[in-house]
Amino acid sequence: MREEPEIELDDIIRLAEISATSGTQYIRPDEVRKILVKLGFPLTEAEPEKQPGQTEETSRSRS
């Protein structure tokens, strides 16, 4: 049976920071959220990302 690797919170945070600032996406925001939930963090659902040129008003009118 395969063992799951031990995940360190500091490593996930650092990888998310690098991904956010480097222009290279090593880990996606949704992956970070899934890991944090798995580690026991009570997160709310992510809001859908706005499309370029979409305002707050147009995003509400489509809902």
N, C-alpha and C. Protein backbone atom coordinates (compact mmCIF):
# COMPACT_ATOMS: atom_id res chain seq x y z
N MET A 1 0.84 -1.18 0.00
CA MET A 1 0.00 0.00 0.00
C MET A 1 0.89 1.25 0.00
N ARG A 2 0.51 2.22 -0.79
CA ARG A 2 1.29 3.45 -0.96
C ARG A 2 1.04 4.43 0.18
N GLU A 3 2.09 4.97 0.75
CA GLU A 3 1.97 5.97 1.81
C GLU A 3 1.83 7.36 1.20
N GLU A 4 0.96 8.17 1.81
CA GLU A 4 0.84 9.56 1.37
C GLU A 4 2.00 10.36 1.96
N PRO A 5 2.54 11.30 1.19
CA PRO A 5 3.62 12.13 1.74
C PRO A 5 3.09 13.04 2.84
N GLU A 6 3.95 13.37 3.78
CA GLU A 6 3.57 14.30 4.84
C GLU A 6 3.62 15.71 4.27
N ILE A 7 2.52 16.44 4.45
CA ILE A 7 2.43 17.79 3.91
C ILE A 7 2.67 18.79 5.03
N GLU A 8 3.61 19.68 4.80
CA GLU A 8 3.91 20.74 5.76
C GLU A 8 3.22 22.02 5.32
N LEU A 9 2.51 22.65 6.22
CA LEU A 9 1.77 23.88 5.91
C LEU A 9 2.70 24.96 5.38
N ASP A 10 3.86 25.12 5.99
CA ASP A 10 4.82 26.15 5.55
C ASP A 10 5.23 25.94 4.09
N ASP A 11 5.39 24.69 3.70
CA ASP A 11 5.77 24.39 2.31
C ASP A 11 4.67 24.77 1.33
N ILE A 12 3.43 24.50 1.69
CA ILE A 12 2.29 24.85 0.82
C ILE A 12 2.17 26.37 0.69
N ILE A 13 2.31 27.07 1.80
CA ILE A 13 2.22 28.53 1.77
C ILE A 13 3.34 29.11 0.91
N ARG A 14 4.54 28.62 1.09
CA ARG A 14 5.69 29.12 0.30
C ARG A 14 5.49 28.85 -1.19
N LEU A 15 5.01 27.66 -1.53
CA LEU A 15 4.78 27.32 -2.93
C LEU A 15 3.68 28.20 -3.53
N ALA A 16 2.65 28.50 -2.75
CA ALA A 16 1.59 29.39 -3.22
C ALA A 16 2.13 30.80 -3.44
N GLU A 17 2.98 31.27 -2.54
CA GLU A 17 3.59 32.60 -2.70
C GLU A 17 4.46 32.66 -3.95
N ILE A 18 5.27 31.65 -4.16
CA ILE A 18 6.14 31.60 -5.35
C ILE A 18 5.28 31.60 -6.61
N SER A 19 4.23 30.80 -6.61
CA SER A 19 3.35 30.72 -7.78
C SER A 19 2.66 32.05 -8.06
N ALA A 20 2.29 32.76 -7.00
CA ALA A 20 1.58 34.03 -7.16
C ALA A 20 2.50 35.15 -7.65
N THR A 21 3.78 35.07 -7.34
CA THR A 21 4.67 36.18 -7.66
C THR A 21 5.63 35.91 -8.82
N SER A 22 5.79 34.65 -9.21
CA SER A 22 6.81 34.33 -10.21
C SER A 22 6.30 34.33 -11.65
N GLY A 23 4.98 34.22 -11.80
CA GLY A 23 4.45 34.10 -13.15
C GLY A 23 4.39 32.66 -13.62
N THR A 24 4.96 31.74 -12.85
CA THR A 24 4.88 30.31 -13.15
C THR A 24 4.00 29.67 -12.10
N GLN A 25 2.94 29.02 -12.55
CA GLN A 25 1.98 28.47 -11.61
C GLN A 25 2.37 27.04 -11.24
N TYR A 26 3.07 26.90 -10.11
CA TYR A 26 3.48 25.59 -9.63
C TYR A 26 2.33 24.88 -8.94
N ILE A 27 1.43 25.66 -8.35
CA ILE A 27 0.25 25.12 -7.69
C ILE A 27 -0.89 26.11 -7.90
N ARG A 28 -2.06 25.60 -8.25
CA ARG A 28 -3.21 26.46 -8.50
C ARG A 28 -3.89 26.83 -7.18
N PRO A 29 -4.56 27.98 -7.14
CA PRO A 29 -5.26 28.39 -5.91
C PRO A 29 -6.27 27.34 -5.43
N ASP A 30 -6.97 26.69 -6.36
CA ASP A 30 -7.94 25.67 -5.94
C ASP A 30 -7.25 24.46 -5.30
N GLU A 31 -6.04 24.16 -5.75
CA GLU A 31 -5.28 23.07 -5.14
C GLU A 31 -4.86 23.44 -3.71
N VAL A 32 -4.44 24.69 -3.52
CA VAL A 32 -4.06 25.16 -2.19
C VAL A 32 -5.27 25.06 -1.26
N ARG A 33 -6.43 25.50 -1.73
CA ARG A 33 -7.65 25.43 -0.92
C ARG A 33 -7.97 24.00 -0.53
N LYS A 34 -7.87 23.07 -1.47
CA LYS A 34 -8.18 21.66 -1.18
C LYS A 34 -7.23 21.11 -0.11
N ILE A 35 -5.97 21.45 -0.21
CA ILE A 35 -4.99 20.99 0.77
C ILE A 35 -5.29 21.58 2.14
N LEU A 36 -5.60 22.88 2.18
CA LEU A 36 -5.90 23.53 3.46
C LEU A 36 -7.14 22.91 4.12
N VAL A 37 -8.16 22.62 3.33
CA VAL A 37 -9.36 21.97 3.86
C VAL A 37 -9.00 20.59 4.40
N LYS A 38 -8.18 19.86 3.66
CA LYS A 38 -7.76 18.52 4.09
C LYS A 38 -6.97 18.59 5.41
N LEU A 39 -6.23 19.68 5.60
CA LEU A 39 -5.46 19.86 6.83
C LEU A 39 -6.33 20.36 7.99
N GLY A 40 -7.62 20.65 7.71
CA GLY A 40 -8.54 21.03 8.78
C GLY A 40 -8.91 22.50 8.85
N PHE A 41 -8.51 23.30 7.86
CA PHE A 41 -8.87 24.72 7.87
C PHE A 41 -10.30 24.88 7.36
N PRO A 42 -11.16 25.58 8.10
CA PRO A 42 -12.55 25.77 7.68
C PRO A 42 -12.66 26.91 6.66
N LEU A 43 -12.61 26.60 5.39
CA LEU A 43 -12.67 27.63 4.35
C LEU A 43 -14.06 27.67 3.73
N THR A 44 -14.48 28.85 3.32
CA THR A 44 -15.73 28.99 2.59
C THR A 44 -15.45 28.68 1.13
N GLU A 45 -16.51 28.52 0.36
CA GLU A 45 -16.32 28.24 -1.06
C GLU A 45 -15.70 29.45 -1.75
N ALA A 46 -14.83 29.17 -2.72
CA ALA A 46 -14.19 30.24 -3.47
C ALA A 46 -15.21 30.92 -4.36
N GLU A 47 -15.10 32.23 -4.47
CA GLU A 47 -15.97 32.97 -5.38
C GLU A 47 -15.44 32.79 -6.79
N PRO A 48 -16.34 32.71 -7.78
CA PRO A 48 -15.88 32.56 -9.17
C PRO A 48 -15.03 33.76 -9.58
N GLU A 49 -14.00 33.47 -10.37
CA GLU A 49 -13.13 34.55 -10.83
C GLU A 49 -13.85 35.40 -11.86
N LYS A 50 -13.61 36.71 -11.81
CA LYS A 50 -14.21 37.62 -12.79
C LYS A 50 -13.46 37.51 -14.10
N GLN A 51 -14.21 37.61 -15.18
CA GLN A 51 -13.61 37.61 -16.51
C GLN A 51 -13.06 39.00 -16.78
N PRO A 52 -12.00 39.11 -17.60
CA PRO A 52 -11.46 40.43 -17.93
C PRO A 52 -12.55 41.33 -18.51
N GLY A 53 -12.62 42.54 -18.01
CA GLY A 53 -13.61 43.50 -18.51
C GLY A 53 -14.96 43.38 -17.83
N GLN A 54 -15.12 42.39 -16.96
CA GLN A 54 -16.38 42.19 -16.28
C GLN A 54 -16.39 43.00 -14.99
N THR A 55 -17.48 43.75 -14.79
CA THR A 55 -17.59 44.56 -13.58
C THR A 55 -18.42 43.81 -12.55
N GLU A 56 -18.47 44.34 -11.35
CA GLU A 56 -19.26 43.73 -10.28
C GLU A 56 -20.73 43.67 -10.68
N GLU A 57 -21.22 44.74 -11.34
CA GLU A 57 -22.61 44.79 -11.76
C GLU A 57 -22.95 43.72 -12.78
N THR A 58 -22.09 43.54 -13.80
CA THR A 58 -22.40 42.57 -14.84
C THR A 58 -22.28 41.16 -14.31
N SER A 59 -21.42 40.91 -13.34
CA SER A 59 -21.32 39.57 -12.79
C SER A 59 -22.56 39.23 -11.96
N ARG A 60 -23.16 40.22 -11.27
CA ARG A 60 -24.37 39.98 -10.50
C ARG A 60 -25.57 39.79 -11.40
N SER A 61 -25.64 40.51 -12.52
CA SER A 61 -26.80 40.42 -13.41
C SER A 61 -26.83 39.08 -14.13
N ARG A 62 -25.71 38.40 -14.26
CA ARG A 62 -25.67 37.09 -14.92
C ARG A 62 -26.05 35.96 -13.97
N SER A 63 -26.03 36.23 -12.67
CA SER A 63 -26.33 35.19 -11.67
C SER A 63 -27.79 34.94 -11.55
